[in-house]
Each structure stands twice: as structure tokens, then as C-alpha cells.
Amino acid sequence: MSEPTDECREALHELYGYLDGELTPEKREAIGRHLDQCLPCAEPYDFEAELREVIRRKCQEQVPESLVAKVRAALAAEQLRQGTTDGA
């Protein structure tokens, strides 16, 4: 296996900034070109990008509307109960 180039080291060093959109447009373009042309660097990029997508999809909160309605009703009932006991 060959030694990574300076360009490879920079691309991998900036990988998270690239994925997070935190780089300047010029740096983002340069790293994007490198990733398009360099398979050893594209592999970690593909892995990280796919991992982030899986985490994003799995971490979305999708609460059933029936549960939301029950929680709202319970909160409203508790507020009524608190209101009647506070004034007694």
C-alpha cells in the first residue's frame, strides 16, 4: 500500500468539516475533487456519510399522534387538578 499524499492527509483531516458543511467553498470544492478521484480517501468518506445518514434517520422522533393526544390530555387534566387544589 502506498504512502498517503499530502492531499490525502488534508482531505481526511478535513473530512468532518466537509461533511458538516463547515469549510469555505474553495476548500470544499478542492476536497470534493480529491474524494472523487481518490478511492482510498473516498472509502472513509462514503462510510462516514452513510453512517451519518443512518443515524439521522434512526434518531428522528416519530411519536404516534395517539400518544401525543394522550399526553396532552394528561397535561390538561393535571393543570385542572393543580388549579382546583391550589385555590382550595
PDB file of N, CA and C in Angstrom:
ATOM      1  N   MET A   1       0.852  -1.175   0.000  1.00  0.00           N
ATOM      2  CA  MET A   1       0.000   0.000   0.000  1.00  0.00           C
ATOM      3  C   MET A   1       0.898   1.239   0.000  1.00  0.00           C
ATOM      4  N   SER A   2       0.586   2.213  -0.815  1.00  0.00           N
ATOM      5  CA  SER A   2       1.429   3.401  -0.929  1.00  0.00           C
ATOM      6  C   SER A   2       1.141   4.385   0.200  1.00  0.00           C
ATOM      7  N   GLU A   3       2.140   5.228   0.445  1.00  0.00           N
ATOM      8  CA  GLU A   3       2.040   6.266   1.471  1.00  0.00           C
ATOM      9  C   GLU A   3       1.018   7.315   1.033  1.00  0.00           C
ATOM     10  N   PRO A   4       0.133   7.778   1.942  1.00  0.00           N
ATOM     11  CA  PRO A   4      -0.832   8.818   1.568  1.00  0.00           C
ATOM     12  C   PRO A   4      -0.109  10.118   1.208  1.00  0.00           C
ATOM     13  N   THR A   5      -0.649  10.832   0.250  1.00  0.00           N
ATOM     14  CA  THR A   5      -0.085  12.109  -0.164  1.00  0.00           C
ATOM     15  C   THR A   5      -0.517  13.194   0.812  1.00  0.00           C
ATOM     16  N   ASP A   6       0.106  14.353   0.676  1.00  0.00           N
ATOM     17  CA  ASP A   6      -0.308  15.495   1.496  1.00  0.00           C
ATOM     18  C   ASP A   6      -1.763  15.835   1.231  1.00  0.00           C
ATOM     19  N   GLU A   7      -2.173  15.698  -0.023  1.00  0.00           N
ATOM     20  CA  GLU A   7      -3.566  15.987  -0.386  1.00  0.00           C
ATOM     21  C   GLU A   7      -4.511  15.003   0.310  1.00  0.00           C
ATOM     22  N   CYS A   8      -4.103  13.737   0.383  1.00  0.00           N
ATOM     23  CA  CYS A   8      -4.911  12.730   1.085  1.00  0.00           C
ATOM     24  C   CYS A   8      -5.005  13.063   2.571  1.00  0.00           C
ATOM     25  N   ARG A   9      -3.871  13.392   3.170  1.00  0.00           N
ATOM     26  CA  ARG A   9      -3.867  13.719   4.597  1.00  0.00           C
ATOM     27  C   ARG A   9      -4.782  14.913   4.878  1.00  0.00           C
ATOM     28  N   GLU A  10      -4.717  15.932   4.020  1.00  0.00           N
ATOM     29  CA  GLU A  10      -5.570  17.104   4.232  1.00  0.00           C
ATOM     30  C   GLU A  10      -7.042  16.743   4.052  1.00  0.00           C
ATOM     31  N   ALA A  11      -7.360  15.963   3.020  1.00  0.00           N
ATOM     32  CA  ALA A  11      -8.757  15.590   2.777  1.00  0.00           C
ATOM     33  C   ALA A  11      -9.317  14.821   3.969  1.00  0.00           C
ATOM     34  N   LEU A  12      -8.540  13.879   4.490  1.00  0.00           N
ATOM     35  CA  LEU A  12      -9.027  13.085   5.622  1.00  0.00           C
ATOM     36  C   LEU A  12      -9.071  13.914   6.901  1.00  0.00           C
ATOM     37  N   HIS A  13      -8.127  14.839   7.060  1.00  0.00           N
ATOM     38  CA  HIS A  13      -8.126  15.725   8.229  1.00  0.00           C
ATOM     39  C   HIS A  13      -9.363  16.630   8.228  1.00  0.00           C
ATOM     40  N   GLU A  14      -9.800  17.041   7.043  1.00  0.00           N
ATOM     41  CA  GLU A  14     -10.940  17.952   6.903  1.00  0.00           C
ATOM     42  C   GLU A  14     -12.264  17.225   6.661  1.00  0.00           C
ATOM     43  N   LEU A  15     -12.255  15.900   6.747  1.00  0.00           N
ATOM     44  CA  LEU A  15     -13.436  15.108   6.391  1.00  0.00           C
ATOM     45  C   LEU A  15     -14.687  15.515   7.176  1.00  0.00           C
ATOM     46  N   TYR A  16     -14.560  15.685   8.481  1.00  0.00           N
ATOM     47  CA  TYR A  16     -15.741  16.032   9.279  1.00  0.00           C
ATOM     48  C   TYR A  16     -16.223  17.442   8.974  1.00  0.00           C
ATOM     49  N   GLY A  17     -15.299  18.364   8.766  1.00  0.00           N
ATOM     50  CA  GLY A  17     -15.682  19.710   8.358  1.00  0.00           C
ATOM     51  C   GLY A  17     -16.371  19.695   7.011  1.00  0.00           C
ATOM     52  N   TYR A  18     -15.889  18.840   6.127  1.00  0.00           N
ATOM     53  CA  TYR A  18     -16.506  18.689   4.800  1.00  0.00           C
ATOM     54  C   TYR A  18     -17.935  18.160   4.945  1.00  0.00           C
ATOM     55  N   LEU A  19     -18.095  17.111   5.728  1.00  0.00           N
ATOM     56  CA  LEU A  19     -19.425  16.514   5.931  1.00  0.00           C
ATOM     57  C   LEU A  19     -20.377  17.473   6.636  1.00  0.00           C
ATOM     58  N   ASP A  20     -19.842  18.310   7.521  1.00  0.00           N
ATOM     59  CA  ASP A  20     -20.675  19.241   8.280  1.00  0.00           C
ATOM     60  C   ASP A  20     -20.920  20.558   7.548  1.00  0.00           C
ATOM     61  N   GLY A  21     -20.323  20.718   6.364  1.00  0.00           N
ATOM     62  CA  GLY A  21     -20.506  21.948   5.600  1.00  0.00           C
ATOM     63  C   GLY A  21     -19.818  23.145   6.241  1.00  0.00           C
ATOM     64  N   GLU A  22     -18.725  22.913   6.963  1.00  0.00           N
ATOM     65  CA  GLU A  22     -18.051  23.978   7.697  1.00  0.00           C
ATOM     66  C   GLU A  22     -16.855  24.563   6.960  1.00  0.00           C
ATOM     67  N   LEU A  23     -16.590  24.125   5.742  1.00  0.00           N
ATOM     68  CA  LEU A  23     -15.426  24.592   5.003  1.00  0.00           C
ATOM     69  C   LEU A  23     -15.796  25.720   4.065  1.00  0.00           C
ATOM     70  N   THR A  24     -14.764  26.470   3.672  1.00  0.00           N
ATOM     71  CA  THR A  24     -15.005  27.510   2.667  1.00  0.00           C
ATOM     72  C   THR A  24     -15.395  26.828   1.359  1.00  0.00           C
ATOM     73  N   PRO A  25     -16.107  27.525   0.490  1.00  0.00           N
ATOM     74  CA  PRO A  25     -16.475  26.916  -0.793  1.00  0.00           C
ATOM     75  C   PRO A  25     -15.259  26.413  -1.580  1.00  0.00           C
ATOM     76  N   GLU A  26     -14.163  27.146  -1.537  1.00  0.00           N
ATOM     77  CA  GLU A  26     -12.965  26.749  -2.276  1.00  0.00           C
ATOM     78  C   GLU A  26     -12.383  25.451  -1.718  1.00  0.00           C
ATOM     79  N   LYS A  27     -12.273  25.380  -0.387  1.00  0.00           N
ATOM     80  CA  LYS A  27     -11.716  24.180   0.250  1.00  0.00           C
ATOM     81  C   LYS A  27     -12.659  22.994   0.042  1.00  0.00           C
ATOM     82  N   ARG A  28     -13.952  23.248   0.134  1.00  0.00           N
ATOM     83  CA  ARG A  28     -14.942  22.189  -0.085  1.00  0.00           C
ATOM     84  C   ARG A  28     -14.834  21.632  -1.506  1.00  0.00           C
ATOM     85  N   GLU A  29     -14.671  22.524  -2.468  1.00  0.00           N
ATOM     86  CA  GLU A  29     -14.541  22.094  -3.866  1.00  0.00           C
ATOM     87  C   GLU A  29     -13.266  21.268  -4.077  1.00  0.00           C
ATOM     88  N   ALA A  30     -12.156  21.731  -3.497  1.00  0.00           N
ATOM     89  CA  ALA A  30     -10.887  21.020  -3.639  1.00  0.00           C
ATOM     90  C   ALA A  30     -10.968  19.621  -3.024  1.00  0.00           C
ATOM     91  N   ILE A  31     -11.545  19.532  -1.845  1.00  0.00           N
ATOM     92  CA  ILE A  31     -11.651  18.224  -1.186  1.00  0.00           C
ATOM     93  C   ILE A  31     -12.639  17.336  -1.938  1.00  0.00           C
ATOM     94  N   GLY A  32     -13.722  17.915  -2.429  1.00  0.00           N
ATOM     95  CA  GLY A  32     -14.677  17.144  -3.228  1.00  0.00           C
ATOM     96  C   GLY A  32     -14.033  16.552  -4.474  1.00  0.00           C
ATOM     97  N   ARG A  33     -13.207  17.342  -5.155  1.00  0.00           N
ATOM     98  CA  ARG A  33     -12.484  16.841  -6.338  1.00  0.00           C
ATOM     99  C   ARG A  33     -11.561  15.699  -5.936  1.00  0.00           C
ATOM    100  N   HIS A  34     -10.858  15.880  -4.823  1.00  0.00           N
ATOM    101  CA  HIS A  34      -9.953  14.830  -4.366  1.00  0.00           C
ATOM    102  C   HIS A  34     -10.724  13.544  -4.053  1.00  0.00           C
ATOM    103  N   LEU A  35     -11.825  13.671  -3.343  1.00  0.00           N
ATOM    104  CA  LEU A  35     -12.608  12.481  -2.982  1.00  0.00           C
ATOM    105  C   LEU A  35     -13.167  11.781  -4.217  1.00  0.00           C
ATOM    106  N   ASP A  36     -13.491  12.548  -5.248  1.00  0.00           N
ATOM    107  CA  ASP A  36     -13.988  11.961  -6.499  1.00  0.00           C
ATOM    108  C   ASP A  36     -12.913  11.157  -7.220  1.00  0.00           C
ATOM    109  N   GLN A  37     -11.653  11.504  -7.012  1.00  0.00           N
ATOM    110  CA  GLN A  37     -10.559  10.897  -7.767  1.00  0.00           C
ATOM    111  C   GLN A  37      -9.726   9.905  -6.962  1.00  0.00           C
ATOM    112  N   CYS A  38      -9.914   9.848  -5.661  1.00  0.00           N
ATOM    113  CA  CYS A  38      -9.039   9.040  -4.802  1.00  0.00           C
ATOM    114  C   CYS A  38      -9.861   7.998  -4.040  1.00  0.00           C
ATOM    115  N   LEU A  39      -9.816   6.763  -4.496  1.00  0.00           N
ATOM    116  CA  LEU A  39     -10.592   5.692  -3.868  1.00  0.00           C
ATOM    117  C   LEU A  39     -10.211   5.472  -2.403  1.00  0.00           C
ATOM    118  N   PRO A  40      -8.915   5.461  -2.025  1.00  0.00           N
ATOM    119  CA  PRO A  40      -8.596   5.267  -0.603  1.00  0.00           C
ATOM    120  C   PRO A  40      -9.197   6.339   0.303  1.00  0.00           C
ATOM    121  N   CYS A  41      -9.361   7.557  -0.201  1.00  0.00           N
ATOM    122  CA  CYS A  41      -9.977   8.622   0.612  1.00  0.00           C
ATOM    123  C   CYS A  41     -11.496   8.592   0.496  1.00  0.00           C
ATOM    124  N   ALA A  42     -12.008   8.145  -0.639  1.00  0.00           N
ATOM    125  CA  ALA A  42     -13.457   8.097  -0.844  1.00  0.00           C
ATOM    126  C   ALA A  42     -14.109   7.054   0.060  1.00  0.00           C
ATOM    127  N   GLU A  43     -13.399   5.978   0.362  1.00  0.00           N
ATOM    128  CA  GLU A  43     -13.979   4.922   1.198  1.00  0.00           C
ATOM    129  C   GLU A  43     -14.337   5.423   2.596  1.00  0.00           C
ATOM    130  N   PRO A  44     -13.418   6.101   3.307  1.00  0.00           N
ATOM    131  CA  PRO A  44     -13.817   6.612   4.629  1.00  0.00           C
ATOM    132  C   PRO A  44     -14.911   7.674   4.523  1.00  0.00           C
ATOM    133  N   TYR A  45     -14.867   8.481   3.470  1.00  0.00           N
ATOM    134  CA  TYR A  45     -15.924   9.480   3.264  1.00  0.00           C
ATOM    135  C   TYR A  45     -17.271   8.788   3.088  1.00  0.00           C
ATOM    136  N   ASP A  46     -17.325   7.786   2.211  1.00  0.00           N
ATOM    137  CA  ASP A  46     -18.590   7.074   1.972  1.00  0.00           C
ATOM    138  C   ASP A  46     -19.110   6.449   3.260  1.00  0.00           C
ATOM    139  N   PHE A  47     -18.203   5.846   4.042  1.00  0.00           N
ATOM    140  CA  PHE A  47     -18.610   5.223   5.302  1.00  0.00           C
ATOM    141  C   PHE A  47     -19.194   6.263   6.250  1.00  0.00           C
ATOM    142  N   GLU A  48     -18.483   7.369   6.457  1.00  0.00           N
ATOM    143  CA  GLU A  48     -18.952   8.405   7.387  1.00  0.00           C
ATOM    144  C   GLU A  48     -20.263   9.027   6.915  1.00  0.00           C
ATOM    145  N   ALA A  49     -20.376   9.278   5.621  1.00  0.00           N
ATOM    146  CA  ALA A  49     -21.604   9.877   5.085  1.00  0.00           C
ATOM    147  C   ALA A  49     -22.793   8.927   5.276  1.00  0.00           C
ATOM    148  N   GLU A  50     -22.566   7.647   5.010  1.00  0.00           N
ATOM    149  CA  GLU A  50     -23.646   6.663   5.185  1.00  0.00           C
ATOM    150  C   GLU A  50     -23.992   6.494   6.664  1.00  0.00           C
ATOM    151  N   LEU A  51     -22.993   6.469   7.533  1.00  0.00           N
ATOM    152  CA  LEU A  51     -23.236   6.355   8.971  1.00  0.00           C
ATOM    153  C   LEU A  51     -24.070   7.530   9.470  1.00  0.00           C
ATOM    154  N   ARG A  52     -23.720   8.726   9.037  1.00  0.00           N
ATOM    155  CA  ARG A  52     -24.483   9.911   9.446  1.00  0.00           C
ATOM    156  C   ARG A  52     -25.929   9.834   8.967  1.00  0.00           C
ATOM    157  N   GLU A  53     -26.137   9.329   7.763  1.00  0.00           N
ATOM    158  CA  GLU A  53     -27.497   9.219   7.229  1.00  0.00           C
ATOM    159  C   GLU A  53     -28.315   8.207   8.041  1.00  0.00           C
ATOM    160  N   VAL A  54     -27.711   7.080   8.382  1.00  0.00           N
ATOM    161  CA  VAL A  54     -28.405   6.069   9.193  1.00  0.00           C
ATOM    162  C   VAL A  54     -28.759   6.649  10.563  1.00  0.00           C
ATOM    163  N   ILE A  55     -27.810   7.332  11.184  1.00  0.00           N
ATOM    164  CA  ILE A  55     -28.072   7.930  12.492  1.00  0.00           C
ATOM    165  C   ILE A  55     -29.167   8.979  12.396  1.00  0.00           C
ATOM    166  N   ARG A  56     -29.104   9.814  11.348  1.00  0.00           N
ATOM    167  CA  ARG A  56     -30.121  10.854  11.170  1.00  0.00           C
ATOM    168  C   ARG A  56     -31.520  10.233  11.041  1.00  0.00           C
ATOM    169  N   ARG A  57     -31.623   9.176  10.247  1.00  0.00           N
ATOM    170  CA  ARG A  57     -32.932   8.537  10.058  1.00  0.00           C
ATOM    171  C   ARG A  57     -33.415   7.861  11.331  1.00  0.00           C
ATOM    172  N   LYS A  58     -32.523   7.196  12.033  1.00  0.00           N
ATOM    173  CA  LYS A  58     -32.913   6.451  13.234  1.00  0.00           C
ATOM    174  C   LYS A  58     -33.209   7.362  14.420  1.00  0.00           C
ATOM    175  N   CYS A  59     -32.643   8.549  14.423  1.00  0.00           N
ATOM    176  CA  CYS A  59     -32.803   9.444  15.568  1.00  0.00           C
ATOM    177  C   CYS A  59     -33.945  10.440  15.403  1.00  0.00           C
ATOM    178  N   GLN A  60     -34.669  10.349  14.331  1.00  0.00           N
ATOM    179  CA  GLN A  60     -35.817  11.235  14.172  1.00  0.00           C
ATOM    180  C   GLN A  60     -36.906  10.787  15.132  1.00  0.00           C
ATOM    181  N   GLU A  61     -37.453  11.751  15.816  1.00  0.00           N
ATOM    182  CA  GLU A  61     -38.524  11.422  16.742  1.00  0.00           C
ATOM    183  C   GLU A  61     -39.831  11.353  15.978  1.00  0.00           C
ATOM    184  N   GLN A  62     -40.418  10.182  15.962  1.00  0.00           N
ATOM    185  CA  GLN A  62     -41.701   9.991  15.314  1.00  0.00           C
ATOM    186  C   GLN A  62     -42.658   9.443  16.367  1.00  0.00           C
ATOM    187  N   VAL A  63     -43.400  10.330  16.954  1.00  0.00           N
ATOM    188  CA  VAL A  63     -44.313   9.962  18.019  1.00  0.00           C
ATOM    189  C   VAL A  63     -45.707   9.785  17.413  1.00  0.00           C
ATOM    190  N   PRO A  64     -46.349   8.659  17.697  1.00  0.00           N
ATOM    191  CA  PRO A  64     -47.702   8.454  17.174  1.00  0.00           C
ATOM    192  C   PRO A  64     -48.644   9.540  17.685  1.00  0.00           C
ATOM    193  N   GLU A  65     -49.533   9.983  16.827  1.00  0.00           N
ATOM    194  CA  GLU A  65     -50.475  11.050  17.184  1.00  0.00           C
ATOM    195  C   GLU A  65     -51.348  10.638  18.361  1.00  0.00           C
ATOM    196  N   SER A  66     -51.664   9.362  18.480  1.00  0.00           N
ATOM    197  CA  SER A  66     -52.485   8.909  19.615  1.00  0.00           C
ATOM    198  C   SER A  66     -51.748   9.136  20.942  1.00  0.00           C
ATOM    199  N   LEU A  67     -50.430   8.930  20.950  1.00  0.00           N
ATOM    200  CA  LEU A  67     -49.658   9.172  22.165  1.00  0.00           C
ATOM    201  C   LEU A  67     -49.598  10.665  22.472  1.00  0.00           C
ATOM    202  N   VAL A  68     -49.418  11.492  21.451  1.00  0.00           N
ATOM    203  CA  VAL A  68     -49.397  12.941  21.643  1.00  0.00           C
ATOM    204  C   VAL A  68     -50.719  13.394  22.257  1.00  0.00           C
ATOM    205  N   ALA A  69     -51.834  12.874  21.761  1.00  0.00           N
ATOM    206  CA  ALA A  69     -53.153  13.243  22.278  1.00  0.00           C
ATOM    207  C   ALA A  69     -53.296  12.823  23.745  1.00  0.00           C
ATOM    208  N   LYS A  70     -52.816  11.637  24.094  1.00  0.00           N
ATOM    209  CA  LYS A  70     -52.897  11.171  25.478  1.00  0.00           C
ATOM    210  C   LYS A  70     -52.068  12.044  26.413  1.00  0.00           C
ATOM    211  N   VAL A  71     -50.879  12.421  25.974  1.00  0.00           N
ATOM    212  CA  VAL A  71     -50.018  13.270  26.799  1.00  0.00           C
ATOM    213  C   VAL A  71     -50.668  14.633  26.991  1.00  0.00           C
ATOM    214  N   ARG A  72     -51.210  15.194  25.918  1.00  0.00           N
ATOM    215  CA  ARG A  72     -51.885  16.492  26.029  1.00  0.00           C
ATOM    216  C   ARG A  72     -53.063  16.417  26.995  1.00  0.00           C
ATOM    217  N   ALA A  73     -53.839  15.354  26.902  1.00  0.00           N
ATOM    218  CA  ALA A  73     -54.996  15.197  27.791  1.00  0.00           C
ATOM    219  C   ALA A  73     -54.539  15.048  29.240  1.00  0.00           C
ATOM    220  N   ALA A  74     -53.466  14.291  29.456  1.00  0.00           N
ATOM    221  CA  ALA A  74     -52.958  14.104  30.814  1.00  0.00           C
ATOM    222  C   ALA A  74     -52.431  15.429  31.375  1.00  0.00           C
ATOM    223  N   LEU A  75     -51.748  16.220  30.536  1.00  0.00           N
ATOM    224  CA  LEU A  75     -51.258  17.525  30.984  1.00  0.00           C
ATOM    225  C   LEU A  75     -52.413  18.470  31.314  1.00  0.00           C
ATOM    226  N   ALA A  76     -53.428  18.459  30.474  1.00  0.00           N
ATOM    227  CA  ALA A  76     -54.582  19.322  30.712  1.00  0.00           C
ATOM    228  C   ALA A  76     -55.289  18.913  32.007  1.00  0.00           C
ATOM    229  N   ALA A  77     -55.430  17.604  32.225  1.00  0.00           N
ATOM    230  CA  ALA A  77     -56.070  17.116  33.443  1.00  0.00           C
ATOM    231  C   ALA A  77     -55.240  17.500  34.668  1.00  0.00           C
ATOM    232  N   GLU A  78     -53.928  17.418  34.558  1.00  0.00           N
ATOM    233  CA  GLU A  78     -53.057  17.778  35.676  1.00  0.00           C
ATOM    234  C   GLU A  78     -53.149  19.278  35.958  1.00  0.00           C
ATOM    235  N   GLN A  79     -53.210  20.079  34.908  1.00  0.00           N
ATOM    236  CA  GLN A  79     -53.349  21.521  35.105  1.00  0.00           C
ATOM    237  C   GLN A  79     -54.669  21.847  35.791  1.00  0.00           C
ATOM    238  N   LEU A  80     -55.743  21.174  35.419  1.00  0.00           N
ATOM    239  CA  LEU A  80     -57.040  21.379  36.076  1.00  0.00           C
ATOM    240  C   LEU A  80     -56.971  20.955  37.531  1.00  0.00           C
ATOM    241  N   ARG A  81     -56.369  19.809  37.782  1.00  0.00           N
ATOM    242  CA  ARG A  81     -56.247  19.320  39.149  1.00  0.00           C
ATOM    243  C   ARG A  81     -55.423  20.296  39.989  1.00  0.00           C
ATOM    244  N   GLN A  82     -54.326  20.774  39.448  1.00  0.00           N
ATOM    245  CA  GLN A  82     -53.481  21.725  40.169  1.00  0.00           C
ATOM    246  C   GLN A  82     -54.239  23.022  40.427  1.00  0.00           C
ATOM    247  N   GLY A  83     -55.022  23.438  39.456  1.00  0.00           N
ATOM    248  CA  GLY A  83     -55.781  24.675  39.604  1.00  0.00           C
ATOM    249  C   GLY A  83     -56.840  24.547  40.680  1.00  0.00           C
ATOM    250  N   THR A  84     -57.487  23.389  40.819  1.00  0.00           N
ATOM    251  CA  THR A  84     -58.524  23.232  41.825  1.00  0.00           C
ATOM    252  C   THR A  84     -57.948  23.010  43.212  1.00  0.00           C
ATOM    253  N   THR A  85     -56.771  22.397  43.321  1.00  0.00           N
ATOM    254  CA  THR A  85     -56.193  22.177  44.650  1.00  0.00           C
ATOM    255  C   THR A  85     -55.451  23.399  45.140  1.00  0.00           C
ATOM    256  N   ASP A  86     -54.937  24.231  44.229  1.00  0.00           N
ATOM    257  CA  ASP A  86     -54.212  25.438  44.645  1.00  0.00           C
ATOM    258  C   ASP A  86     -55.174  26.462  45.259  1.00  0.00           C
ATOM    259  N   GLY A  87     -56.389  26.515  44.753  1.00  0.00           N
ATOM    260  CA  GLY A  87     -57.328  27.507  45.238  1.00  0.00           C
ATOM    261  C   GLY A  87     -58.120  27.047  46.448  1.00  0.00           C
ATOM    262  N   ALA A  88     -57.976  25.804  46.860  1.00  0.00           N
ATOM    263  CA  ALA A  88     -58.776  25.272  47.975  1.00  0.00           C
ATOM    264  C   ALA A  88     -58.263  25.647  49.315  1.00  0.00           C
TER     265      ALA A  88
END
